[in-house]
Structure formats: C-alpha cells, structure tokens
C-alpha atoms as a PDB file:
ATOM      1  CA  MET A   1     -11.377  62.118 -81.213  1.00  0.00           C
ATOM      2  CA  ALA A   2      -7.894  63.607 -81.242  1.00  0.00           C
ATOM      3  CA  GLN A   3      -8.883  66.079 -78.573  1.00  0.00           C
ATOM      4  CA  LEU A   4     -10.276  63.291 -76.390  1.00  0.00           C
ATOM      5  CA  ASP A   5      -7.127  61.289 -76.767  1.00  0.00           C
ATOM      6  CA  GLU A   6      -5.013  64.311 -75.877  1.00  0.00           C
ATOM      7  CA  ALA A   7      -7.139  65.023 -72.770  1.00  0.00           C
ATOM      8  CA  ALA A   8      -6.858  61.407 -71.656  1.00  0.00           C
ATOM      9  CA  ALA A   9      -3.104  61.480 -72.069  1.00  0.00           C
ATOM     10  CA  VAL A  10      -2.843  64.689 -70.013  1.00  0.00           C
ATOM     11  CA  ALA A  11      -5.008  63.173 -67.252  1.00  0.00           C
ATOM     12  CA  GLU A  12      -2.951  60.005 -67.175  1.00  0.00           C
ATOM     13  CA  ALA A  13       0.251  62.035 -66.879  1.00  0.00           C
ATOM     14  CA  GLU A  14      -1.205  63.982 -63.957  1.00  0.00           C
ATOM     15  CA  VAL A  15      -2.193  60.749 -62.254  1.00  0.00           C
ATOM     16  CA  VAL A  16       1.266  59.323 -62.742  1.00  0.00           C
ATOM     17  CA  GLN A  17       2.876  62.465 -61.330  1.00  0.00           C
ATOM     18  CA  THR A  18       0.459  62.629 -58.390  1.00  0.00           C
ATOM     19  CA  ALA A  19       0.735  58.910 -57.391  1.00  0.00           C
ATOM     20  CA  PRO A  20       4.353  58.963 -56.206  1.00  0.00           C
ATOM     21  CA  GLU A  21       3.644  62.029 -54.127  1.00  0.00           C
ATOM     22  CA  GLN A  22       0.643  60.328 -52.534  1.00  0.00           C
ATOM     23  CA  ASN A  23       2.595  57.122 -51.968  1.00  0.00           C
ATOM     24  CA  GLN A  24       5.447  59.074 -50.401  1.00  0.00           C
ATOM     25  CA  ALA A  25       3.033  60.935 -48.156  1.00  0.00           C
ATOM     26  CA  THR A  26       1.372  57.666 -47.150  1.00  0.00           C
ATOM     27  CA  GLU A  27       4.708  56.033 -46.371  1.00  0.00           C
ATOM     28  CA  THR A  28       5.742  59.083 -44.341  1.00  0.00           C
ATOM     29  CA  THR A  29       2.484  58.940 -42.391  1.00  0.00           C
ATOM     30  CA  ASN A  30       2.796  55.185 -41.736  1.00  0.00           C
ATOM     31  CA  ALA A  31       6.406  55.584 -40.663  1.00  0.00           C
ATOM     32  CA  SER A  32       5.432  58.424 -38.333  1.00  0.00           C
ATOM     33  CA  ASP A  33       2.599  56.322 -36.835  1.00  0.00           C
ATOM     34  CA  THR A  34       4.939  53.351 -36.411  1.00  0.00           C
ATOM     35  CA  ASP A  35       7.560  55.510 -34.727  1.00  0.00           C
ATOM     36  CA  ASP A  36       4.937  56.914 -32.371  1.00  0.00           C
ATOM     37  CA  ALA A  37       3.707  53.387 -31.517  1.00  0.00           C
ATOM     38  CA  LEU A  38       7.226  52.141 -30.911  1.00  0.00           C
ATOM     39  CA  SER A  39       8.023  55.175 -28.816  1.00  0.00           C
ATOM     40  CA  PHE A  40       4.865  54.483 -26.790  1.00  0.00           C
ATOM     41  CA  TYR A  41       5.865  50.892 -26.109  1.00  0.00           C
ATOM     42  CA  GLU A  42       9.477  51.852 -25.603  1.00  0.00           C
ATOM     43  CA  ASP A  43       8.353  54.205 -22.863  1.00  0.00           C
ATOM     44  CA  ASP A  44       6.583  51.297 -21.145  1.00  0.00           C
ATOM     45  CA  LEU A  45       9.126  48.531 -21.729  1.00  0.00           C
ATOM     46  CA  PRO A  46      11.921  49.843 -19.500  1.00  0.00           C
ATOM     47  CA  ALA A  47       9.513  50.160 -16.567  1.00  0.00           C
ATOM     48  CA  GLU A  48       8.332  46.547 -17.006  1.00  0.00           C
ATOM     49  CA  ASP A  49      11.885  45.318 -17.371  1.00  0.00           C
ATOM     50  CA  ALA A  50      12.880  47.193 -14.250  1.00  0.00           C
ATOM     51  CA  GLU A  51       9.932  45.755 -12.363  1.00  0.00           C
ATOM     52  CA  GLN A  52      10.789  42.262 -13.611  1.00  0.00           C
ATOM     53  CA  ASP A  53      14.400  42.755 -12.554  1.00  0.00           C
ATOM     54  CA  ASP A  54      13.182  43.806  -9.121  1.00  0.00           C
ATOM     55  CA  LEU A  55      11.059  40.649  -8.905  1.00  0.00           C
ATOM     56  CA  ASP A  56      13.997  38.523  -9.996  1.00  0.00           C
ATOM     57  CA  ASP A  57      16.186  40.209  -7.406  1.00  0.00           C
ATOM     58  CA  ASP A  58      13.565  39.648  -4.726  1.00  0.00           C
ATOM     59  CA  HIS A  59      13.224  36.002  -5.780  1.00  0.00           C
ATOM     60  CA  GLY A  60      16.980  35.651  -5.736  1.00  0.00           C
ATOM     61  CA  ASP A  61      17.081  37.153  -2.270  1.00  0.00           C
ATOM     62  CA  GLU A  62      14.433  34.674  -1.117  1.00  0.00           C
ATOM     63  CA  GLU A  63      16.472  31.774  -2.498  1.00  0.00           C
ATOM     64  CA  GLU A  64      19.600  33.089  -0.864  1.00  0.00           C
ATOM     65  CA  ALA A  65      17.669  33.500   2.394  1.00  0.00           C
ATOM     66  CA  GLU A  66      17.022  29.732   2.492  1.00  0.00           C
ATOM     67  CA  PRO A  67      20.406  27.993   2.414  1.00  0.00           C
ATOM     68  CA  VAL A  68      20.540  24.252   1.828  1.00  0.00           C
ATOM     69  CA  SER A  69      22.175  22.365   4.664  1.00  0.00           C
ATOM     70  CA  ALA A  70      24.885  19.904   3.707  1.00  0.00           C
ATOM     71  CA  PRO A  71      23.917  16.208   3.941  1.00  0.00           C
ATOM     72  CA  ALA A  72      25.137  14.476   7.075  1.00  0.00           C
ATOM     73  CA  SER A  73      26.847  11.750   5.046  1.00  0.00           C
ATOM     74  CA  LEU A  74      29.493  14.198   3.768  1.00  0.00           C
ATOM     75  CA  ASN A  75      32.758  14.735   5.604  1.00  0.00           C
ATOM     76  CA  ALA A  76      34.143  18.141   6.571  1.00  0.00           C
ATOM     77  CA  GLU A  77      36.000  18.707   3.308  1.00  0.00           C
ATOM     78  CA  GLU A  78      33.018  17.651   1.210  1.00  0.00           C
ATOM     79  CA  LYS A  79      30.711  19.908   3.220  1.00  0.00           C
ATOM     80  CA  GLU A  80      33.058  22.836   2.579  1.00  0.00           C
ATOM     81  CA  LYS A  81      32.908  22.189  -1.167  1.00  0.00           C
ATOM     82  CA  PHE A  82      29.132  21.755  -0.915  1.00  0.00           C
ATOM     83  CA  THR A  83      28.714  25.270   0.494  1.00  0.00           C
ATOM     84  CA  GLN A  84      30.555  26.697  -2.525  1.00  0.00           C
ATOM     85  CA  LEU A  85      28.083  25.230  -5.012  1.00  0.00           C
ATOM     86  CA  PRO A  86      25.136  27.235  -6.434  1.00  0.00           C
ATOM     87  CA  ALA A  87      21.831  26.878  -4.602  1.00  0.00           C
ATOM     88  CA  GLU A  88      20.261  24.843  -7.416  1.00  0.00           C
ATOM     89  CA  ALA A  89      23.203  22.442  -7.485  1.00  0.00           C
ATOM     90  CA  GLN A  90      23.072  22.134  -3.682  1.00  0.00           C
ATOM     91  CA  ARG A  91      19.390  21.190  -3.786  1.00  0.00           C
ATOM     92  CA  ALA A  92      19.932  18.674  -6.569  1.00  0.00           C
ATOM     93  CA  MET A  93      22.891  17.064  -4.789  1.00  0.00           C
ATOM     94  CA  SER A  94      21.022  17.021  -1.483  1.00  0.00           C
ATOM     95  CA  GLU A  95      18.052  15.234  -3.089  1.00  0.00           C
ATOM     96  CA  ILE A  96      20.334  12.718  -4.819  1.00  0.00           C
ATOM     97  CA  LEU A  97      22.264  11.947  -1.640  1.00  0.00           C
ATOM     98  CA  SER A  98      19.057  11.703   0.406  1.00  0.00           C
ATOM     99  CA  ARG A  99      17.579   9.228  -2.087  1.00  0.00           C
ATOM    100  CA  ARG A 100      20.811   7.248  -2.086  1.00  0.00           C
ATOM    101  CA  ASP A 101      20.828   7.128   1.727  1.00  0.00           C
ATOM    102  CA  ARG A 102      17.201   5.934   1.786  1.00  0.00           C
ATOM    103  CA  GLU A 103      17.882   3.236  -0.780  1.00  0.00           C
ATOM    104  CA  THR A 104      21.026   2.192   1.078  1.00  0.00           C
ATOM    105  CA  GLN A 105      19.095   2.002   4.357  1.00  0.00           C
ATOM    106  CA  GLN A 106      16.355  -0.054   2.704  1.00  0.00           C
ATOM    107  CA  GLY A 107      18.959  -2.373   1.217  1.00  0.00           C
ATOM    108  CA  LEU A 108      20.692  -2.803   4.578  1.00  0.00           C
ATOM    109  CA  GLU A 109      17.382  -3.520   6.288  1.00  0.00           C
ATOM    110  CA  ALA A 110      16.483  -6.083   3.622  1.00  0.00           C
ATOM    111  CA  ALA A 111      19.924  -7.687   4.021  1.00  0.00           C
ATOM    112  CA  ARG A 112      19.537  -7.799   7.818  1.00  0.00           C
ATOM    113  CA  SER A 113      16.079  -9.323   7.447  1.00  0.00           C
ATOM    114  CA  ALA A 114      17.401 -11.941   5.014  1.00  0.00           C
ATOM    115  CA  GLN A 115      20.309 -12.685   7.358  1.00  0.00           C
ATOM    116  CA  ARG A 116      17.985 -13.106  10.328  1.00  0.00           C
ATOM    117  CA  GLU A 117      15.742 -15.380   8.316  1.00  0.00           C
ATOM    118  CA  ALA A 118      18.710 -17.441   7.145  1.00  0.00           C
ATOM    119  CA  GLN A 119      19.988 -17.750  10.714  1.00  0.00           C
ATOM    120  CA  ARG A 120      16.563 -18.815  11.925  1.00  0.00           C
ATOM    121  CA  THR A 121      16.249 -21.363   9.138  1.00  0.00           C
ATOM    122  CA  ALA A 122      19.691 -22.770   9.906  1.00  0.00           C
ATOM    123  CA  ALA A 123      18.909 -22.897  13.646  1.00  0.00           C
ATOM    124  CA  ASP A 124      15.592 -24.645  12.973  1.00  0.00           C
ATOM    125  CA  HIS A 125      17.315 -27.171  10.729  1.00  0.00           C
ATOM    126  CA  MET A 126      19.935 -27.842  13.402  1.00  0.00           C
ATOM    127  CA  ALA A 127      17.292 -28.212  16.101  1.00  0.00           C
ATOM    128  CA  ASN A 128      15.309 -30.636  13.950  1.00  0.00           C
ATOM    129  CA  THR A 129      18.459 -32.640  13.253  1.00  0.00           C
ATOM    130  CA  GLN A 130      19.273 -32.656  16.931  1.00  0.00           C
ATOM    131  CA  ARG A 131      15.794 -33.829  17.832  1.00  0.00           C
ATOM    132  CA  ASP A 132      15.920 -36.640  15.265  1.00  0.00           C
ATOM    133  CA  PHE A 133      19.351 -37.723  16.493  1.00  0.00           C
ATOM    134  CA  ALA A 134      18.172 -37.674  20.098  1.00  0.00           C
ATOM    135  CA  GLN A 135      15.191 -39.849  19.234  1.00  0.00           C
ATOM    136  CA  LYS A 136      17.292 -42.377  17.310  1.00  0.00           C
ATOM    137  CA  PHE A 137      19.963 -42.358  19.998  1.00  0.00           C
ATOM    138  CA  SER A 138      17.388 -42.975  22.701  1.00  0.00           C
ATOM    139  CA  ASN A 139      15.950 -45.918  20.757  1.00  0.00           C
ATOM    140  CA  LEU A 140      19.435 -47.342  20.279  1.00  0.00           C
ATOM    141  CA  VAL A 141      20.297 -46.975  23.947  1.00  0.00           C
ATOM    142  CA  GLN A 142      17.096 -48.715  24.996  1.00  0.00           C
ATOM    143  CA  ALA A 143      18.188 -51.768  23.040  1.00  0.00           C
ATOM    144  CA  PHE A 144      21.307 -52.054  25.232  1.00  0.00           C
ATOM    145  CA  GLN A 145      19.591 -51.618  28.570  1.00  0.00           C
ATOM    146  CA  PRO A 146      21.424 -53.911  31.073  1.00  0.00           C
ATOM    147  CA  THR A 147      19.642 -56.806  32.740  1.00  0.00           C
ATOM    148  CA  PRO A 148      20.135 -57.467  36.464  1.00  0.00           C
ATOM    149  CA  PRO A 149      21.383 -60.936  37.573  1.00  0.00           C
ATOM    150  CA  PRO A 150      18.685 -63.409  38.630  1.00  0.00           C
ATOM    151  CA  ILE A 151      17.836 -63.189  42.301  1.00  0.00           C
ATOM    152  CA  THR A 152      17.997 -67.000  42.658  1.00  0.00           C
ATOM    153  CA  LEU A 153      21.715 -66.794  42.055  1.00  0.00           C
ATOM    154  CA  ILE A 154      22.137 -65.449  45.616  1.00  0.00           C
ATOM    155  CA  GLU A 155      21.414 -68.880  47.052  1.00  0.00           C
ATOM    156  CA  GLU A 156      23.106 -70.835  44.322  1.00  0.00           C
ATOM    157  CA  ASP A 157      26.313 -68.839  43.999  1.00  0.00           C
ATOM    158  CA  PRO A 158      26.476 -65.687  46.138  1.00  0.00           C
ATOM    159  CA  THR A 159      29.945 -64.804  44.913  1.00  0.00           C
ATOM    160  CA  GLN A 160      28.924 -64.960  41.271  1.00  0.00           C
ATOM    161  CA  TYR A 161      25.817 -62.947  42.067  1.00  0.00           C
ATOM    162  CA  LEU A 162      27.898 -60.180  43.642  1.00  0.00           C
ATOM    163  CA  ILE A 163      30.179 -60.075  40.649  1.00  0.00           C
ATOM    164  CA  LEU A 164      27.288 -59.873  38.203  1.00  0.00           C
ATOM    165  CA  LYS A 165      25.501 -57.335  40.415  1.00  0.00           C
ATOM    166  CA  ALA A 166      28.547 -55.067  40.416  1.00  0.00           C
ATOM    167  CA  GLN A 167      28.830 -55.358  36.667  1.00  0.00           C
ATOM    168  CA  PHE A 168      25.129 -54.591  36.331  1.00  0.00           C
ATOM    169  CA  ASP A 169      25.400 -51.473  38.478  1.00  0.00           C
ATOM    170  CA  GLN A 170      28.291 -50.232  36.372  1.00  0.00           C
ATOM    171  CA  ASP A 171      26.438 -50.907  33.116  1.00  0.00           C
ATOM    172  CA  LEU A 172      23.268 -49.289  34.505  1.00  0.00           C
ATOM    173  CA  ALA A 173      25.182 -46.120  35.431  1.00  0.00           C
ATOM    174  CA  GLY A 174      26.547 -45.870  31.887  1.00  0.00           C
ATOM    175  CA  PHE A 175      23.123 -46.563  30.451  1.00  0.00           C
ATOM    176  CA  ASN A 176      21.510 -43.859  32.555  1.00  0.00           C
ATOM    177  CA  GLN A 177      24.212 -41.422  31.455  1.00  0.00           C
ATOM    178  CA  LEU A 178      23.452 -42.150  27.807  1.00  0.00           C
ATOM    179  CA  VAL A 179      19.711 -41.749  28.433  1.00  0.00           C
ATOM    180  CA  GLY A 180      20.422 -38.427  30.138  1.00  0.00           C
ATOM    181  CA  GLN A 181      22.413 -37.249  27.118  1.00  0.00           C
ATOM    182  CA  ALA A 182      19.567 -38.149  24.784  1.00  0.00           C
ATOM    183  CA  SER A 183      17.104 -36.361  27.046  1.00  0.00           C
ATOM    184  CA  HIS A 184      19.377 -33.302  27.133  1.00  0.00           C
ATOM    185  CA  LEU A 185      19.514 -33.158  23.337  1.00  0.00           C
ATOM    186  CA  THR A 186      15.741 -33.460  23.141  1.00  0.00           C
ATOM    187  CA  GLY A 187      15.321 -30.740  25.766  1.00  0.00           C
ATOM    188  CA  GLN A 188      17.620 -28.377  23.833  1.00  0.00           C
ATOM    189  CA  SER A 189      15.660 -28.821  20.613  1.00  0.00           C
ATOM    190  CA  ASP A 190      12.349 -28.385  22.464  1.00  0.00           C
ATOM    191  CA  ALA A 191      13.642 -25.193  24.122  1.00  0.00           C
ATOM    192  CA  HIS A 192      14.719 -23.845  20.734  1.00  0.00           C
ATOM    193  CA  PHE A 193      11.293 -24.376  19.212  1.00  0.00           C
ATOM    194  CA  GLU A 194       9.580 -22.920  22.273  1.00  0.00           C
ATOM    195  CA  GLN A 195      11.702 -19.783  21.872  1.00  0.00           C
ATOM    196  CA  ARG A 196      10.933 -19.649  18.165  1.00  0.00           C
ATOM    197  CA  LYS A 197       7.247 -19.974  18.939  1.00  0.00           C
ATOM    198  CA  ALA A 198       7.440 -17.101  21.415  1.00  0.00           C
ATOM    199  CA  GLU A 199       9.272 -14.945  18.852  1.00  0.00           C
ATOM    200  CA  TRP A 200       6.694 -15.813  16.219  1.00  0.00           C
ATOM    201  CA  LEU A 201       3.829 -14.902  18.530  1.00  0.00           C
ATOM    202  CA  ALA A 202       5.488 -11.565  19.350  1.00  0.00           C
ATOM    203  CA  GLU A 203       5.963 -10.749  15.667  1.00  0.00           C
ATOM    204  CA  GLU A 204       2.408 -11.777  14.804  1.00  0.00           C
ATOM    205  CA  THR A 205       1.064  -9.653  17.670  1.00  0.00           C
ATOM    206  CA  ASN A 206       2.957  -6.598  16.427  1.00  0.00           C
ATOM    207  CA  LYS A 207       1.552  -7.141  12.942  1.00  0.00           C
ATOM    208  CA  LEU A 208      -1.997  -7.530  14.236  1.00  0.00           C
ATOM    209  CA  ARG A 209      -1.726  -4.293  16.227  1.00  0.00           C
ATOM    210  CA  SER A 210      -1.737  -2.441  12.913  1.00  0.00           C
ATOM    211  CA  ILE A 211      -5.460  -3.293  12.746  1.00  0.00           C
ATOM    212  CA  PRO A 212      -7.288  -0.580  14.757  1.00  0.00           C
ATOM    213  CA  GLU A 213      -9.817  -3.029  16.191  1.00  0.00           C
ATOM    214  CA  MET A 214      -7.043  -5.287  17.473  1.00  0.00           C
ATOM    215  CA  ALA A 215      -5.121  -2.398  19.027  1.00  0.00           C
ATOM    216  CA  ASP A 216      -8.219  -1.193  20.913  1.00  0.00           C
ATOM    217  CA  ASP A 217      -8.899  -3.303  24.017  1.00  0.00           C
ATOM    218  CA  THR A 218     -12.601  -2.411  23.979  1.00  0.00           C
ATOM    219  CA  LYS A 219     -13.126  -3.409  20.326  1.00  0.00           C
ATOM    220  CA  ARG A 220     -10.878  -6.473  20.256  1.00  0.00           C
ATOM    221  CA  PRO A 221     -13.420  -9.040  21.627  1.00  0.00           C
ATOM    222  CA  GLN A 222     -16.070  -8.106  19.058  1.00  0.00           C
ATOM    223  CA  PHE A 223     -13.472  -8.065  16.288  1.00  0.00           C
ATOM    224  CA  VAL A 224     -12.247 -11.553  17.231  1.00  0.00           C
ATOM    225  CA  ALA A 225     -15.844 -12.780  17.308  1.00  0.00           C
ATOM    226  CA  ASP A 226     -16.519 -11.322  13.847  1.00  0.00           C
ATOM    227  CA  ILE A 227     -13.334 -12.821  12.416  1.00  0.00           C
ATOM    228  CA  THR A 228     -14.173 -16.210  13.944  1.00  0.00           C
ATOM    229  CA  ALA A 229     -17.663 -16.101  12.428  1.00  0.00           C
ATOM    230  CA  ILE A 230     -16.250 -15.213   9.009  1.00  0.00           C
ATOM    231  CA  GLY A 231     -13.691 -18.026   9.289  1.00  0.00           C
ATOM    232  CA  LYS A 232     -16.342 -20.608  10.148  1.00  0.00           C
ATOM    233  CA  GLU A 233     -18.501 -19.340   7.294  1.00  0.00           C
ATOM    234  CA  LEU A 234     -15.551 -19.903   4.947  1.00  0.00           C
ATOM    235  CA  GLY A 235     -15.029 -23.460   6.240  1.00  0.00           C
ATOM    236  CA  PHE A 236     -12.283 -23.045   8.872  1.00  0.00           C
ATOM    237  CA  SER A 237     -12.369 -25.545  11.711  1.00  0.00           C
ATOM    238  CA  ASP A 238     -11.963 -24.540  15.362  1.00  0.00           C
ATOM    239  CA  GLU A 239      -8.455 -25.983  15.397  1.00  0.00           C
ATOM    240  CA  GLU A 240      -7.483 -24.065  12.260  1.00  0.00           C
ATOM    241  CA  LEU A 241      -8.908 -20.827  13.663  1.00  0.00           C
ATOM    242  CA  SER A 242      -6.860 -21.296  16.830  1.00  0.00           C
ATOM    243  CA  GLN A 243      -3.668 -21.454  14.730  1.00  0.00           C
ATOM    244  CA  VAL A 244      -4.285 -18.662  12.220  1.00  0.00           C
ATOM    245  CA  SER A 245      -1.422 -16.310  11.399  1.00  0.00           C
ATOM    246  CA  ALA A 246      -1.483 -12.551  11.008  1.00  0.00           C
ATOM    247  CA  LYS A 247      -1.707 -13.029   7.244  1.00  0.00           C
ATOM    248  CA  ASP A 248      -4.853 -15.134   7.685  1.00  0.00           C
ATOM    249  CA  VAL A 249      -6.365 -12.525  10.010  1.00  0.00           C
ATOM    250  CA  PHE A 250      -5.706  -9.775   7.461  1.00  0.00           C
ATOM    251  CA  ALA A 251      -7.402 -11.884   4.779  1.00  0.00           C
ATOM    252  CA  LEU A 252     -10.413 -12.617   7.005  1.00  0.00           C
ATOM    253  CA  ASN A 253     -10.645  -8.940   7.926  1.00  0.00           C
ATOM    254  CA  LYS A 254     -10.675  -8.052   4.219  1.00  0.00           C
ATOM    255  CA  VAL A 255     -13.511 -10.509   3.653  1.00  0.00           C
ATOM    256  CA  ARG A 256     -15.365  -8.991   6.620  1.00  0.00           C
ATOM    257  CA  SER A 257     -14.982  -5.507   5.137  1.00  0.00           C
ATOM    258  CA  LEU A 258     -16.140  -6.626   1.687  1.00  0.00           C
ATOM    259  CA  LYS A 259     -19.120  -8.412   3.208  1.00  0.00           C
ATOM    260  CA  ALA A 260     -20.133  -5.284   5.146  1.00  0.00           C
ATOM    261  CA  ASP A 261     -19.870  -3.183   1.983  1.00  0.00           C
ATOM    262  CA  ALA A 262     -21.966  -5.717   0.063  1.00  0.00           C
ATOM    263  CA  GLU A 263     -24.657  -5.665   2.748  1.00  0.00           C
ATOM    264  CA  LYS A 264     -24.740  -1.860   2.664  1.00  0.00           C
ATOM    265  CA  TRP A 265     -25.076  -1.948  -1.116  1.00  0.00           C
ATOM    266  CA  ARG A 266     -27.897  -4.484  -1.008  1.00  0.00           C
ATOM    267  CA  GLU A 267     -29.713  -2.377   1.584  1.00  0.00           C
ATOM    268  CA  HIS A 268     -29.258   0.690  -0.591  1.00  0.00           C
ATOM    269  CA  GLN A 269     -30.587  -1.122  -3.656  1.00  0.00           C
ATOM    270  CA  LYS A 270     -33.518  -2.420  -1.630  1.00  0.00           C
ATOM    271  CA  ARG A 271     -34.499   1.097  -0.581  1.00  0.00           C
ATOM    272  CA  ARG A 272     -34.188   2.310  -4.170  1.00  0.00           C
ATOM    273  CA  ASN A 273     -36.396  -0.514  -5.449  1.00  0.00           C
ATOM    274  CA  GLU A 274     -39.051   0.035  -2.758  1.00  0.00           C
ATOM    275  CA  ARG A 275     -39.665   3.696  -3.664  1.00  0.00           C
ATOM    276  CA  PRO A 276     -40.969   3.031  -7.233  1.00  0.00           C
ATOM    277  CA  ARG A 277     -43.223   0.231  -5.994  1.00  0.00           C
ATOM    278  CA  GLN A 278     -44.708   2.524  -3.343  1.00  0.00           C
ATOM    279  CA  ALA A 279     -45.362   5.225  -5.932  1.00  0.00           C
ATOM    280  CA  THR A 280     -47.006   2.716  -8.281  1.00  0.00           C
ATOM    281  CA  GLY A 281     -49.261   1.436  -5.529  1.00  0.00           C
ATOM    282  CA  ARG A 282     -50.301   4.951  -4.595  1.00  0.00           C
ATOM    283  CA  PHE A 283     -51.808   5.635  -8.041  1.00  0.00           C
ATOM    284  CA  SER A 284     -52.929   2.116  -8.926  1.00  0.00           C
ATOM    285  CA  ALA A 285     -56.616   2.956  -8.433  1.00  0.00           C
ATOM    286  CA  ALA A 286     -57.879   5.636 -10.856  1.00  0.00           C
ATOM    287  CA  PRO A 287     -59.655   8.519  -9.076  1.00  0.00           C
ATOM    288  CA  ALA A 288     -63.284   9.292  -9.829  1.00  0.00           C
ATOM    289  CA  GLY A 289     -63.977  11.740 -12.634  1.00  0.00           C
ATOM    290  CA  ASN A 290     -60.947  10.942 -14.721  1.00  0.00           C
ATOM    291  CA  GLY A 291     -60.917  10.171 -18.436  1.00  0.00           C
ATOM    292  CA  MET A 292     -61.572   6.446 -17.989  1.00  0.00           C
ATOM    293  CA  ALA A 293     -64.759   7.101 -16.018  1.00  0.00           C
ATOM    294  CA  ALA A 294     -65.937   9.639 -18.630  1.00  0.00           C
ATOM    295  CA  ASN A 295     -65.391   7.190 -21.466  1.00  0.00           C
ATOM    296  CA  ARG A 296     -67.236   4.500 -19.562  1.00  0.00           C
ATOM    297  CA  GLY A 297     -70.253   6.820 -19.073  1.00  0.00           C
ATOM    298  CA  GLN A 298     -70.306   7.789 -22.761  1.00  0.00           C
ATOM    299  CA  ASN A 299     -70.293   4.148 -23.800  1.00  0.00           C
ATOM    300  CA  ASP A 300     -73.239   3.425 -21.499  1.00  0.00           C
ATOM    301  CA  ALA A 301     -75.258   6.298 -23.051  1.00  0.00           C
ATOM    302  CA  LEU A 302     -74.642   5.087 -26.599  1.00  0.00           C
ATOM    303  CA  LYS A 303     -75.625   1.538 -25.623  1.00  0.00           C
ATOM    304  CA  SER A 304     -78.958   2.788 -24.212  1.00  0.00           C
ATOM    305  CA  LEU A 305     -79.713   4.632 -27.504  1.00  0.00           C
ATOM    306  CA  TYR A 306     -78.701   1.734 -29.711  1.00  0.00           C
ATOM    307  CA  PRO A 307     -79.380  -1.467 -27.743  1.00  0.00           C
ATOM    308  CA  ASN A 308     -79.249  -3.707 -30.813  1.00  0.00           C
ATOM    309  CA  ASP A 309     -75.845  -2.578 -31.920  1.00  0.00           C
END
C-alpha cells in the first residue's frame, strides 16, 4: 500500500509539471493561429478600404458633377451665398424654397379665387338691388302718370284747354323721363345677369371638357343621350335636365359608370352560374352499364328466386 501511494504521488507530480507546459504550448499555438488569421484579414482589409474609398470618391465626383441651381426667388447676393453651401444643404434648401413657392402660389390662387367670388357676389347683390329699385320706382311713377285735359274743353274754354294741354305735355315729358330711367336701371341689371350667365356657361363648359366623352365631338351626342337617360331614370324632369350644372353631370356620369360596372358584374356572375348547370345537365342521365343498372339487375334476379319474399 505504501508503494502504491508513493507511485500515485509521483504520477500526480508528473502530471502537475506537464500540465503547465501543455497549457503554455496550447496558448502559444492559439496565439500563433490568431496572429495568422488576423494577418490574413489585415492583408485583405486595406484593399477593401481602398476600393471603398475609390467608390466614395467616384460617388463624390458624381455629386459634384451635378450642381444644384439656385432657386429663382433668391436675389444675386443670396444666390452667391447659395453656391458656397455644401451640395446636401443646397438640395435641402432648394426643396424647402420650392415647396414654399408652391404653397405661396396656391395661397395666392385661392385668395384670387375668393376675391373674384366676393366681387361677383357683391355685383350680383347690387344688380338685384338695382332691379328691385327699378321695379318699385316704375310702379311709383305709374301712379303719377299725367292725365290729358278733356277734349270737350276746347269748345267750352279753348284758352283753358291750351293752358292745361301745355301743362300736360310738360308733365308727360317728365313722366317719360322717369320711366326711361327705370327702364335703364332694369336694363343694366338684366345685362349684368346675362353676362354672369355667359361667364357661368363658359366655366361649366371648361369643367365638362375634362370628361373625355364631352371633349370628343364624335362621342358627345351619345354621352349626352346616356346622361339624359340616367337622369330621367333617377327622376329628373326635362326642365331640370336642361339646367344641370357641371357638378350634376359629373354625378350622373359616376352613376353611369357604376351602372355599367354592375351590369358587367351581373353578366359575369350569370356566365359563372350557367357553367355548373350545364355540367349537371350533361350527366343527369346515368349511362348504361353503371353501378345503378347492375344493382337493379341483381335485385331482379333475387326476386325471381324468392318471389314470396
């Protein structure tokens, strides 16, 4: 037992002495392998970096080859400062200024449209007021229409008749002048509304020309007929159809389009439903020699063998 213990102790000491050497050799080997791997990648990395730098330089050259033009809204001094900015800043500023110009133009157009509409509304109100005043003025003037002197006064008192006749002629001239003024006011208001009607028709025509069928002279008659038929189907009278606006025409055209799509869908569904019915009818009658006929024959044979059952 003592010898075994001594041998085990000697073996353990050898293992302890050998382990550090093995660990050191393993660490040396791993370090050498790591250095070789790093040296391998280090040999490749500079080439990739150089290639990437070349690509970046080429990309930079492409960006420099496409200069950004200064926005037209800038003055000479601002354009000079704009050219000194980096390309990215120039593009960003150009986009911002372009968007601002578009929004400004849209705002100005909306303001002009609102101004025109306000002017038209004010002019319409004035024309309506003028027409009402002319009508009331004409009614008032008619109440003061002068009456000529009786013709019998010529024989009774010619002098008095002449005096009254002269007064009548003077009053009649003033009356006719007032009637003319009332007629002039009415004519001005009528002319205003005629002009507004012509402007409205021109605007509505321009809107309707955005519809391809209305812009095409060859397709317009059929399009108008289709729209009229749709309008009557929806309950429009002939008078209402003769006074429809562009907005009404767009709505009727939308209904026409939806109706055409619905008809196409119904036709498609009809064809789909007809195919299964045709297939069912084709095999409705069982052919001779199938399983049903065989079973029927077997039943007949059994019945002949056992008639009482």
